[in-house]
Amino acid sequence: MAYRTVMTYLQAGADNQGVLGVVSDLAGLFDASVIGISACQPVNPMYEEGFTAGDVVVEDRAEINKELAAAEQQFRDVLDSKVARLEWRSTVTYGLLADYVAEQARAADLIVLGKPVSGAFFDRTRWLDVGSLVMQAGRPVLLVPNAISSLSLRHVIAGWKDTREARRAVSDALPLLRAAERSTVLEVCKAGQRAQAQQRVQDVASWLERLDVHASPLAVEAEGTEIGFLRREMHRHTCDLLVAGAYGHNRLNEWVFGGVTQDFLLDPEFCVLLSH
């Protein structure tokens, strides 16, 4: 198994240099084709004195075309000399941006995108809802923090919960786990449950060994909140990439990894690969 086609979402109107650096590393590691993708929503014109709806629409469409063209240019400037097979896709849509990218995910093995730039959470015309994309894509999603511009695989940690989503995430991450210098299967458990948790992560590590991945099994009892303890463990073991299963709950489509909030997964200090 390998990632033969990587799709990367570029946020229109933003600097995507970091995520493109990670994509370049992935393409080189797996000799992968790369599909660049971007999308924008048109504004809903407001009627104000001195302006007509037509004026607003024309001006907005011109800005969208400019931003999408700039995103494509940056995509090609960074990757043309490094990746043999490139493709670009973009659209203007009144639908949700995550829906468009999830539809296009049929053409790829892995989706890579950066975390939102400042203020982007409040501008859904340019930034897609990462949680919604993860829920829909049927492909692993690699989230790259703003400060990271290259993919380090010195230590990959698979955050384990005994769920379908976690099993899917570890399976989806096999190419990265094989390429890593060091891998750990980590379960954070409640007090008094370490023996059972250790058996679970040992089972996962043994399965991985049969797939040419040497991973250390590690079960630790949480002291305090799970999210705080997991964050400390990530730093203590110098995590470069966290592999996590994401599952939705309730009608508001909030989503978590075990008891870990989406804030931790969507605002990371290291790359996070999410699967649902």
C-alpha atoms as a PDB file:
ATOM      1  CA  MET A   1       0.000   0.000   0.000  1.00  0.00           C
ATOM      2  CA  ALA A   2       1.238   3.514  -0.839  1.00  0.00           C
ATOM      3  CA  TYR A   3      -0.188   6.937  -1.515  1.00  0.00           C
ATOM      4  CA  ARG A   4      -0.119   7.115  -5.313  1.00  0.00           C
ATOM      5  CA  THR A   5      -2.204  10.303  -5.560  1.00  0.00           C
ATOM      6  CA  VAL A   6      -2.105  13.107  -3.011  1.00  0.00           C
ATOM      7  CA  MET A   7      -4.737  15.849  -3.088  1.00  0.00           C
ATOM      8  CA  THR A   8      -3.946  19.153  -1.421  1.00  0.00           C
ATOM      9  CA  TYR A   9      -6.451  21.882  -0.618  1.00  0.00           C
ATOM     10  CA  LEU A  10      -5.091  25.403  -0.967  1.00  0.00           C
ATOM     11  CA  GLN A  11      -6.939  28.187   0.784  1.00  0.00           C
ATOM     12  CA  ALA A  12      -7.699  31.004  -1.657  1.00  0.00           C
ATOM     13  CA  GLY A  13      -6.273  34.340  -0.597  1.00  0.00           C
ATOM     14  CA  ALA A  14      -3.731  32.746   1.763  1.00  0.00           C
ATOM     15  CA  ASP A  15      -0.083  31.710   1.718  1.00  0.00           C
ATOM     16  CA  ASN A  16      -0.003  27.914   1.319  1.00  0.00           C
ATOM     17  CA  GLN A  17       3.790  27.557   1.275  1.00  0.00           C
ATOM     18  CA  GLY A  18       3.945  25.301   4.337  1.00  0.00           C
ATOM     19  CA  VAL A  19       1.391  22.743   3.229  1.00  0.00           C
ATOM     20  CA  LEU A  20       2.967  22.643  -0.243  1.00  0.00           C
ATOM     21  CA  GLY A  21       6.320  21.828   1.354  1.00  0.00           C
ATOM     22  CA  VAL A  22       4.752  18.842   3.105  1.00  0.00           C
ATOM     23  CA  VAL A  23       3.043  17.760  -0.117  1.00  0.00           C
ATOM     24  CA  SER A  24       6.375  17.951  -1.936  1.00  0.00           C
ATOM     25  CA  ASP A  25       7.928  15.653   0.677  1.00  0.00           C
ATOM     26  CA  LEU A  26       5.042  13.178   0.376  1.00  0.00           C
ATOM     27  CA  ALA A  27       5.212  13.139  -3.424  1.00  0.00           C
ATOM     28  CA  GLY A  28       8.939  12.459  -3.287  1.00  0.00           C
ATOM     29  CA  LEU A  29       8.574   9.757  -0.637  1.00  0.00           C
ATOM     30  CA  PHE A  30       5.859   7.841  -2.495  1.00  0.00           C
ATOM     31  CA  ASP A  31       6.483   8.914  -6.107  1.00  0.00           C
ATOM     32  CA  ALA A  32       2.933  10.242  -6.023  1.00  0.00           C
ATOM     33  CA  SER A  33       0.894  12.341  -8.398  1.00  0.00           C
ATOM     34  CA  VAL A  34      -0.460  15.552  -6.849  1.00  0.00           C
ATOM     35  CA  ILE A  35      -3.848  17.167  -7.403  1.00  0.00           C
ATOM     36  CA  GLY A  36      -4.183  20.758  -6.223  1.00  0.00           C
ATOM     37  CA  ILE A  37      -7.666  21.914  -5.359  1.00  0.00           C
ATOM     38  CA  SER A  38      -9.284  25.132  -4.190  1.00  0.00           C
ATOM     39  CA  ALA A  39     -12.770  26.598  -3.970  1.00  0.00           C
ATOM     40  CA  CYS A  40     -14.572  29.804  -3.032  1.00  0.00           C
ATOM     41  CA  GLN A  41     -18.124  30.776  -2.182  1.00  0.00           C
ATOM     42  CA  PRO A  42     -19.509  33.955  -3.767  1.00  0.00           C
ATOM     43  CA  VAL A  43     -20.703  36.634  -1.375  1.00  0.00           C
ATOM     44  CA  ASN A  44     -24.372  37.210  -0.725  1.00  0.00           C
ATOM     45  CA  PRO A  45     -24.722  40.795  -2.003  1.00  0.00           C
ATOM     46  CA  MET A  46     -26.093  43.386   0.398  1.00  0.00           C
ATOM     47  CA  TYR A  47     -28.032  46.313  -0.967  1.00  0.00           C
ATOM     48  CA  GLU A  48     -26.452  49.605   0.129  1.00  0.00           C
ATOM     49  CA  GLU A  49     -26.835  53.162  -1.079  1.00  0.00           C
ATOM     50  CA  GLY A  50     -24.620  53.728  -4.104  1.00  0.00           C
ATOM     51  CA  PHE A  51     -24.212  50.042  -4.893  1.00  0.00           C
ATOM     52  CA  THR A  52     -26.263  47.509  -6.827  1.00  0.00           C
ATOM     53  CA  ALA A  53     -26.284  43.764  -6.427  1.00  0.00           C
ATOM     54  CA  GLY A  54     -24.721  43.474  -9.871  1.00  0.00           C
ATOM     55  CA  ASP A  55     -21.766  45.676  -8.863  1.00  0.00           C
ATOM     56  CA  VAL A  56     -21.076  43.533  -5.818  1.00  0.00           C
ATOM     57  CA  VAL A  57     -21.308  40.277  -7.744  1.00  0.00           C
ATOM     58  CA  VAL A  58     -18.978  41.438 -10.505  1.00  0.00           C
ATOM     59  CA  GLU A  59     -16.395  42.759  -8.057  1.00  0.00           C
ATOM     60  CA  ASP A  60     -16.559  39.618  -5.936  1.00  0.00           C
ATOM     61  CA  ARG A  61     -16.222  37.289  -8.921  1.00  0.00           C
ATOM     62  CA  ALA A  62     -13.175  39.211 -10.128  1.00  0.00           C
ATOM     63  CA  GLU A  63     -11.569  38.852  -6.678  1.00  0.00           C
ATOM     64  CA  ILE A  64     -12.381  35.133  -6.555  1.00  0.00           C
ATOM     65  CA  ASN A  65     -10.860  34.536  -9.982  1.00  0.00           C
ATOM     66  CA  LYS A  66      -7.752  36.446  -8.912  1.00  0.00           C
ATOM     67  CA  GLU A  67      -7.370  34.415  -5.693  1.00  0.00           C
ATOM     68  CA  LEU A  68      -7.938  31.066  -7.390  1.00  0.00           C
ATOM     69  CA  ALA A  69      -5.429  31.933 -10.109  1.00  0.00           C
ATOM     70  CA  ALA A  70      -2.886  32.938  -7.441  1.00  0.00           C
ATOM     71  CA  ALA A  71      -3.421  29.650  -5.592  1.00  0.00           C
ATOM     72  CA  GLU A  72      -2.838  27.682  -8.787  1.00  0.00           C
ATOM     73  CA  GLN A  73       0.268  29.720  -9.577  1.00  0.00           C
ATOM     74  CA  GLN A  74       1.737  29.052  -6.135  1.00  0.00           C
ATOM     75  CA  PHE A  75       0.882  25.359  -6.513  1.00  0.00           C
ATOM     76  CA  ARG A  76       2.788  25.156  -9.793  1.00  0.00           C
ATOM     77  CA  ASP A  77       5.658  27.392  -8.697  1.00  0.00           C
ATOM     78  CA  VAL A  78       6.423  25.155  -5.723  1.00  0.00           C
ATOM     79  CA  LEU A  79       5.788  21.730  -7.251  1.00  0.00           C
ATOM     80  CA  ASP A  80       6.478  21.932 -11.006  1.00  0.00           C
ATOM     81  CA  SER A  81      10.172  21.119 -10.638  1.00  0.00           C
ATOM     82  CA  LYS A  82       9.627  18.494  -7.910  1.00  0.00           C
ATOM     83  CA  VAL A  83       6.577  16.466  -8.954  1.00  0.00           C
ATOM     84  CA  ALA A  84       6.247  14.753 -12.316  1.00  0.00           C
ATOM     85  CA  ARG A  85       2.452  14.572 -12.427  1.00  0.00           C
ATOM     86  CA  LEU A  86       0.421  17.625 -11.417  1.00  0.00           C
ATOM     87  CA  GLU A  87      -3.244  18.484 -11.873  1.00  0.00           C
ATOM     88  CA  TRP A  88      -5.261  21.516 -10.783  1.00  0.00           C
ATOM     89  CA  ARG A  89      -8.963  21.718  -9.939  1.00  0.00           C
ATOM     90  CA  SER A  90     -10.964  24.681  -8.663  1.00  0.00           C
ATOM     91  CA  THR A  91     -14.524  25.921  -8.553  1.00  0.00           C
ATOM     92  CA  VAL A  92     -16.841  28.676  -7.437  1.00  0.00           C
ATOM     93  CA  THR A  93     -19.741  27.161  -5.549  1.00  0.00           C
ATOM     94  CA  TYR A  94     -22.685  28.233  -3.434  1.00  0.00           C
ATOM     95  CA  GLY A  95     -22.406  24.895  -1.655  1.00  0.00           C
ATOM     96  CA  LEU A  96     -20.152  24.067   1.275  1.00  0.00           C
ATOM     97  CA  LEU A  97     -16.478  23.940   0.341  1.00  0.00           C
ATOM     98  CA  ALA A  98     -16.016  20.719   2.309  1.00  0.00           C
ATOM     99  CA  ASP A  99     -18.690  19.055   0.170  1.00  0.00           C
ATOM    100  CA  TYR A 100     -16.831  19.918  -3.030  1.00  0.00           C
ATOM    101  CA  VAL A 101     -13.483  18.640  -1.762  1.00  0.00           C
ATOM    102  CA  ALA A 102     -15.089  15.462  -0.389  1.00  0.00           C
ATOM    103  CA  GLU A 103     -16.579  14.762  -3.819  1.00  0.00           C
ATOM    104  CA  GLN A 104     -13.208  15.250  -5.504  1.00  0.00           C
ATOM    105  CA  ALA A 105     -11.532  12.960  -2.939  1.00  0.00           C
ATOM    106  CA  ARG A 106     -12.573  10.013  -5.105  1.00  0.00           C
ATOM    107  CA  ALA A 107      -9.469  10.801  -7.202  1.00  0.00           C
ATOM    108  CA  ALA A 108      -6.933  10.576  -4.361  1.00  0.00           C
ATOM    109  CA  ASP A 109      -5.502   8.373  -1.609  1.00  0.00           C
ATOM    110  CA  LEU A 110      -4.754  11.168   0.846  1.00  0.00           C
ATOM    111  CA  ILE A 111      -5.915  14.768   1.391  1.00  0.00           C
ATOM    112  CA  VAL A 112      -3.472  17.322   2.785  1.00  0.00           C
ATOM    113  CA  LEU A 113      -4.424  20.795   3.979  1.00  0.00           C
ATOM    114  CA  GLY A 114      -3.203  23.479   6.337  1.00  0.00           C
ATOM    115  CA  LYS A 115      -4.922  24.716   9.463  1.00  0.00           C
ATOM    116  CA  PRO A 116      -6.897  27.946   9.008  1.00  0.00           C
ATOM    117  CA  VAL A 117      -5.064  31.246   8.904  1.00  0.00           C
ATOM    118  CA  SER A 118      -6.068  33.839  11.473  1.00  0.00           C
ATOM    119  CA  GLY A 119      -9.693  34.863  11.067  1.00  0.00           C
ATOM    120  CA  ALA A 120     -10.456  32.122   8.540  1.00  0.00           C
ATOM    121  CA  PHE A 121     -12.889  30.363  10.884  1.00  0.00           C
ATOM    122  CA  PHE A 122     -15.191  33.345  10.396  1.00  0.00           C
ATOM    123  CA  ASP A 123     -14.900  33.380   6.596  1.00  0.00           C
ATOM    124  CA  ARG A 124     -16.533  30.264   5.229  1.00  0.00           C
ATOM    125  CA  THR A 125     -16.269  31.673   1.688  1.00  0.00           C
ATOM    126  CA  ARG A 126     -12.585  30.664   1.667  1.00  0.00           C
ATOM    127  CA  TRP A 127     -11.947  28.085   4.392  1.00  0.00           C
ATOM    128  CA  LEU A 128     -13.601  24.686   4.497  1.00  0.00           C
ATOM    129  CA  ASP A 129     -14.864  22.941   7.619  1.00  0.00           C
ATOM    130  CA  VAL A 130     -12.165  20.342   8.330  1.00  0.00           C
ATOM    131  CA  GLY A 131     -14.401  18.282  10.617  1.00  0.00           C
ATOM    132  CA  SER A 132     -17.058  18.030   7.917  1.00  0.00           C
ATOM    133  CA  LEU A 133     -14.446  17.017   5.345  1.00  0.00           C
ATOM    134  CA  VAL A 134     -13.074  14.260   7.573  1.00  0.00           C
ATOM    135  CA  MET A 135     -16.573  12.897   8.136  1.00  0.00           C
ATOM    136  CA  GLN A 136     -17.386  12.805   4.415  1.00  0.00           C
ATOM    137  CA  ALA A 137     -14.196  12.144   2.489  1.00  0.00           C
ATOM    138  CA  GLY A 138     -13.687   8.425   2.990  1.00  0.00           C
ATOM    139  CA  ARG A 139      -9.983   9.241   2.755  1.00  0.00           C
ATOM    140  CA  PRO A 140      -7.413  10.106   5.414  1.00  0.00           C
ATOM    141  CA  VAL A 141      -6.909  13.834   5.960  1.00  0.00           C
ATOM    142  CA  LEU A 142      -3.479  15.164   6.945  1.00  0.00           C
ATOM    143  CA  LEU A 143      -3.653  18.506   8.751  1.00  0.00           C
ATOM    144  CA  VAL A 144      -0.498  20.629   8.660  1.00  0.00           C
ATOM    145  CA  PRO A 145       0.110  23.402  11.252  1.00  0.00           C
ATOM    146  CA  ASN A 146       1.150  26.813   9.995  1.00  0.00           C
ATOM    147  CA  ALA A 147       4.671  26.591  11.419  1.00  0.00           C
ATOM    148  CA  ILE A 148       5.508  23.342   9.607  1.00  0.00           C
ATOM    149  CA  SER A 149       6.804  23.261   6.029  1.00  0.00           C
ATOM    150  CA  SER A 150       8.370  19.801   5.821  1.00  0.00           C
ATOM    151  CA  LEU A 151       7.266  16.319   6.801  1.00  0.00           C
ATOM    152  CA  SER A 152       9.295  14.793   9.615  1.00  0.00           C
ATOM    153  CA  LEU A 153       8.712  11.116  10.339  1.00  0.00           C
ATOM    154  CA  ARG A 154      11.180  10.604  13.150  1.00  0.00           C
ATOM    155  CA  HIS A 155       8.380   9.507  15.468  1.00  0.00           C
ATOM    156  CA  VAL A 156       4.791   8.681  14.503  1.00  0.00           C
ATOM    157  CA  ILE A 157       2.301   8.024  17.291  1.00  0.00           C
ATOM    158  CA  ALA A 158      -0.949   6.182  16.617  1.00  0.00           C
ATOM    159  CA  GLY A 159      -3.450   7.279  19.240  1.00  0.00           C
ATOM    160  CA  TRP A 160      -5.423   4.147  20.026  1.00  0.00           C
ATOM    161  CA  LYS A 161      -9.031   3.708  21.055  1.00  0.00           C
ATOM    162  CA  ASP A 162     -10.668   0.342  20.523  1.00  0.00           C
ATOM    163  CA  THR A 163     -13.044   1.690  17.871  1.00  0.00           C
ATOM    164  CA  ARG A 164     -13.693   1.261  14.171  1.00  0.00           C
ATOM    165  CA  GLU A 165     -12.381   4.755  13.510  1.00  0.00           C
ATOM    166  CA  ALA A 166      -9.040   4.075  15.193  1.00  0.00           C
ATOM    167  CA  ARG A 167      -8.613   0.820  13.262  1.00  0.00           C
ATOM    168  CA  ARG A 168      -9.373   2.681  10.048  1.00  0.00           C
ATOM    169  CA  ALA A 169      -6.890   5.439  10.902  1.00  0.00           C
ATOM    170  CA  VAL A 170      -4.009   3.051  11.592  1.00  0.00           C
ATOM    171  CA  SER A 171      -4.739   1.172   8.356  1.00  0.00           C
ATOM    172  CA  ASP A 172      -4.883   4.433   6.400  1.00  0.00           C
ATOM    173  CA  ALA A 173      -1.552   5.516   7.908  1.00  0.00           C
ATOM    174  CA  LEU A 174       0.368   2.341   6.976  1.00  0.00           C
ATOM    175  CA  PRO A 175       2.557   4.040   4.325  1.00  0.00           C
ATOM    176  CA  LEU A 176       3.631   6.691   6.833  1.00  0.00           C
ATOM    177  CA  LEU A 177       4.156   4.167   9.611  1.00  0.00           C
ATOM    178  CA  ARG A 178       6.396   2.113   7.318  1.00  0.00           C
ATOM    179  CA  ALA A 179       8.412   5.198   6.425  1.00  0.00           C
ATOM    180  CA  ALA A 180       8.795   6.377  10.026  1.00  0.00           C
ATOM    181  CA  GLU A 181      12.051   6.006  11.924  1.00  0.00           C
ATOM    182  CA  ARG A 182      10.057   5.108  15.027  1.00  0.00           C
ATOM    183  CA  SER A 183       6.380   4.301  15.677  1.00  0.00           C
ATOM    184  CA  THR A 184       4.337   3.957  18.854  1.00  0.00           C
ATOM    185  CA  VAL A 185       0.795   2.703  19.442  1.00  0.00           C
ATOM    186  CA  LEU A 186      -0.418   4.709  22.439  1.00  0.00           C
ATOM    187  CA  GLU A 187      -3.577   4.287  24.484  1.00  0.00           C
ATOM    188  CA  VAL A 188      -4.415   6.674  27.290  1.00  0.00           C
ATOM    189  CA  CYS A 189      -6.617   4.759  29.715  1.00  0.00           C
ATOM    190  CA  LYS A 190      -8.355   5.310  33.019  1.00  0.00           C
ATOM    191  CA  ALA A 191      -6.753   4.406  36.323  1.00  0.00           C
ATOM    192  CA  GLY A 192      -6.797   0.660  36.972  1.00  0.00           C
ATOM    193  CA  GLN A 193      -7.248  -0.285  33.306  1.00  0.00           C
ATOM    194  CA  ARG A 194      -3.645  -0.301  32.156  1.00  0.00           C
ATOM    195  CA  ALA A 195      -3.348  -4.106  31.838  1.00  0.00           C
ATOM    196  CA  GLN A 196      -6.310  -4.340  29.450  1.00  0.00           C
ATOM    197  CA  ALA A 197      -5.107  -1.342  27.475  1.00  0.00           C
ATOM    198  CA  GLN A 198      -1.611  -2.794  27.184  1.00  0.00           C
ATOM    199  CA  GLN A 199      -3.055  -5.979  25.699  1.00  0.00           C
ATOM    200  CA  ARG A 200      -4.972  -3.952  23.124  1.00  0.00           C
ATOM    201  CA  VAL A 201      -1.979  -1.920  21.958  1.00  0.00           C
ATOM    202  CA  GLN A 202       0.148  -5.091  21.928  1.00  0.00           C
ATOM    203  CA  ASP A 203      -2.371  -6.688  19.569  1.00  0.00           C
ATOM    204  CA  VAL A 204      -2.143  -3.668  17.276  1.00  0.00           C
ATOM    205  CA  ALA A 205       1.662  -3.665  17.401  1.00  0.00           C
ATOM    206  CA  SER A 206       1.750  -7.394  16.563  1.00  0.00           C
ATOM    207  CA  TRP A 207      -0.579  -6.835  13.599  1.00  0.00           C
ATOM    208  CA  LEU A 208       1.620  -4.005  12.383  1.00  0.00           C
ATOM    209  CA  GLU A 209       4.728  -6.170  12.716  1.00  0.00           C
ATOM    210  CA  ARG A 210       3.224  -8.609  10.230  1.00  0.00           C
ATOM    211  CA  LEU A 211       2.839  -5.648   7.855  1.00  0.00           C
ATOM    212  CA  ASP A 212       6.511  -4.651   8.133  1.00  0.00           C
ATOM    213  CA  VAL A 213       5.931  -1.897  10.689  1.00  0.00           C
ATOM    214  CA  HIS A 214       7.822  -2.096  13.968  1.00  0.00           C
ATOM    215  CA  ALA A 215       5.758  -0.201  16.542  1.00  0.00           C
ATOM    216  CA  SER A 216       6.174  -0.034  20.306  1.00  0.00           C
ATOM    217  CA  PRO A 217       2.981  -0.665  22.320  1.00  0.00           C
ATOM    218  CA  LEU A 218       2.423   1.821  25.150  1.00  0.00           C
ATOM    219  CA  ALA A 219      -0.508   2.115  27.544  1.00  0.00           C
ATOM    220  CA  VAL A 220      -0.504   4.872  30.137  1.00  0.00           C
ATOM    221  CA  GLU A 221      -2.978   5.783  32.844  1.00  0.00           C
ATOM    222  CA  ALA A 222      -4.261   9.346  32.597  1.00  0.00           C
ATOM    223  CA  GLU A 223      -3.590  11.732  35.443  1.00  0.00           C
ATOM    224  CA  GLY A 224      -6.038  14.602  35.138  1.00  0.00           C
ATOM    225  CA  THR A 225      -7.871  15.275  31.900  1.00  0.00           C
ATOM    226  CA  GLU A 226      -7.271  12.979  28.952  1.00  0.00           C
ATOM    227  CA  ILE A 227      -6.543  15.853  26.594  1.00  0.00           C
ATOM    228  CA  GLY A 228      -3.965  17.369  28.935  1.00  0.00           C
ATOM    229  CA  PHE A 229      -2.277  14.042  29.474  1.00  0.00           C
ATOM    230  CA  LEU A 230      -2.241  13.210  25.764  1.00  0.00           C
ATOM    231  CA  ARG A 231      -0.692  16.588  24.975  1.00  0.00           C
ATOM    232  CA  ARG A 232       2.032  15.959  27.572  1.00  0.00           C
ATOM    233  CA  GLU A 233       2.708  12.501  26.135  1.00  0.00           C
ATOM    234  CA  MET A 234       3.022  13.931  22.623  1.00  0.00           C
ATOM    235  CA  HIS A 235       5.673  16.356  23.842  1.00  0.00           C
ATOM    236  CA  ARG A 236       7.436  13.853  26.077  1.00  0.00           C
ATOM    237  CA  HIS A 237       7.861  11.402  23.189  1.00  0.00           C
ATOM    238  CA  THR A 238       8.627  14.151  20.609  1.00  0.00           C
ATOM    239  CA  CYS A 239       5.722  13.364  18.310  1.00  0.00           C
ATOM    240  CA  ASP A 240       6.075  14.469  14.681  1.00  0.00           C
ATOM    241  CA  LEU A 241       2.802  12.972  13.447  1.00  0.00           C
ATOM    242  CA  LEU A 242      -0.272  11.871  15.370  1.00  0.00           C
ATOM    243  CA  VAL A 243      -2.581   9.295  13.752  1.00  0.00           C
ATOM    244  CA  ALA A 244      -6.114   9.472  15.135  1.00  0.00           C
ATOM    245  CA  GLY A 245      -9.582   8.182  14.421  1.00  0.00           C
ATOM    246  CA  ALA A 246     -12.326  10.817  14.382  1.00  0.00           C
ATOM    247  CA  TYR A 247     -15.970  10.016  14.983  1.00  0.00           C
ATOM    248  CA  GLY A 248     -19.017  12.249  14.915  1.00  0.00           C
ATOM    249  CA  HIS A 249     -21.666  12.537  17.546  1.00  0.00           C
ATOM    250  CA  ASN A 250     -24.889  14.465  18.011  1.00  0.00           C
ATOM    251  CA  ARG A 251     -26.861  16.400  15.476  1.00  0.00           C
ATOM    252  CA  LEU A 252     -24.459  19.357  15.537  1.00  0.00           C
ATOM    253  CA  ASN A 253     -21.766  17.156  13.962  1.00  0.00           C
ATOM    254  CA  GLU A 254     -19.273  17.825  16.728  1.00  0.00           C
ATOM    255  CA  TRP A 255     -16.502  15.272  16.620  1.00  0.00           C
ATOM    256  CA  VAL A 256     -13.724  13.943  18.789  1.00  0.00           C
ATOM    257  CA  PHE A 257     -10.986  11.354  19.149  1.00  0.00           C
ATOM    258  CA  GLY A 258     -12.093   9.435  22.213  1.00  0.00           C
ATOM    259  CA  GLY A 259     -12.556  12.139  24.824  1.00  0.00           C
ATOM    260  CA  VAL A 260     -10.137  14.499  23.086  1.00  0.00           C
ATOM    261  CA  THR A 261     -11.719  17.702  21.831  1.00  0.00           C
ATOM    262  CA  GLN A 262     -11.543  18.901  18.263  1.00  0.00           C
ATOM    263  CA  ASP A 263      -9.569  21.949  19.444  1.00  0.00           C
ATOM    264  CA  PHE A 264      -6.574  19.733  20.146  1.00  0.00           C
ATOM    265  CA  LEU A 265      -6.798  17.949  16.795  1.00  0.00           C
ATOM    266  CA  LEU A 266      -7.516  21.028  14.683  1.00  0.00           C
ATOM    267  CA  ASP A 267      -4.984  23.324  16.369  1.00  0.00           C
ATOM    268  CA  PRO A 268      -1.967  21.045  16.623  1.00  0.00           C
ATOM    269  CA  GLU A 269       1.728  21.701  17.069  1.00  0.00           C
ATOM    270  CA  PHE A 270       2.529  18.742  14.818  1.00  0.00           C
ATOM    271  CA  CYS A 271       0.928  17.082  11.809  1.00  0.00           C
ATOM    272  CA  VAL A 272      -2.220  15.052  12.478  1.00  0.00           C
ATOM    273  CA  LEU A 273      -3.640  12.353  10.212  1.00  0.00           C
ATOM    274  CA  LEU A 274      -7.382  11.874  10.781  1.00  0.00           C
ATOM    275  CA  SER A 275      -9.672   9.131   9.477  1.00  0.00           C
ATOM    276  CA  HIS A 276     -13.334   8.389   9.950  1.00  0.00           C
END
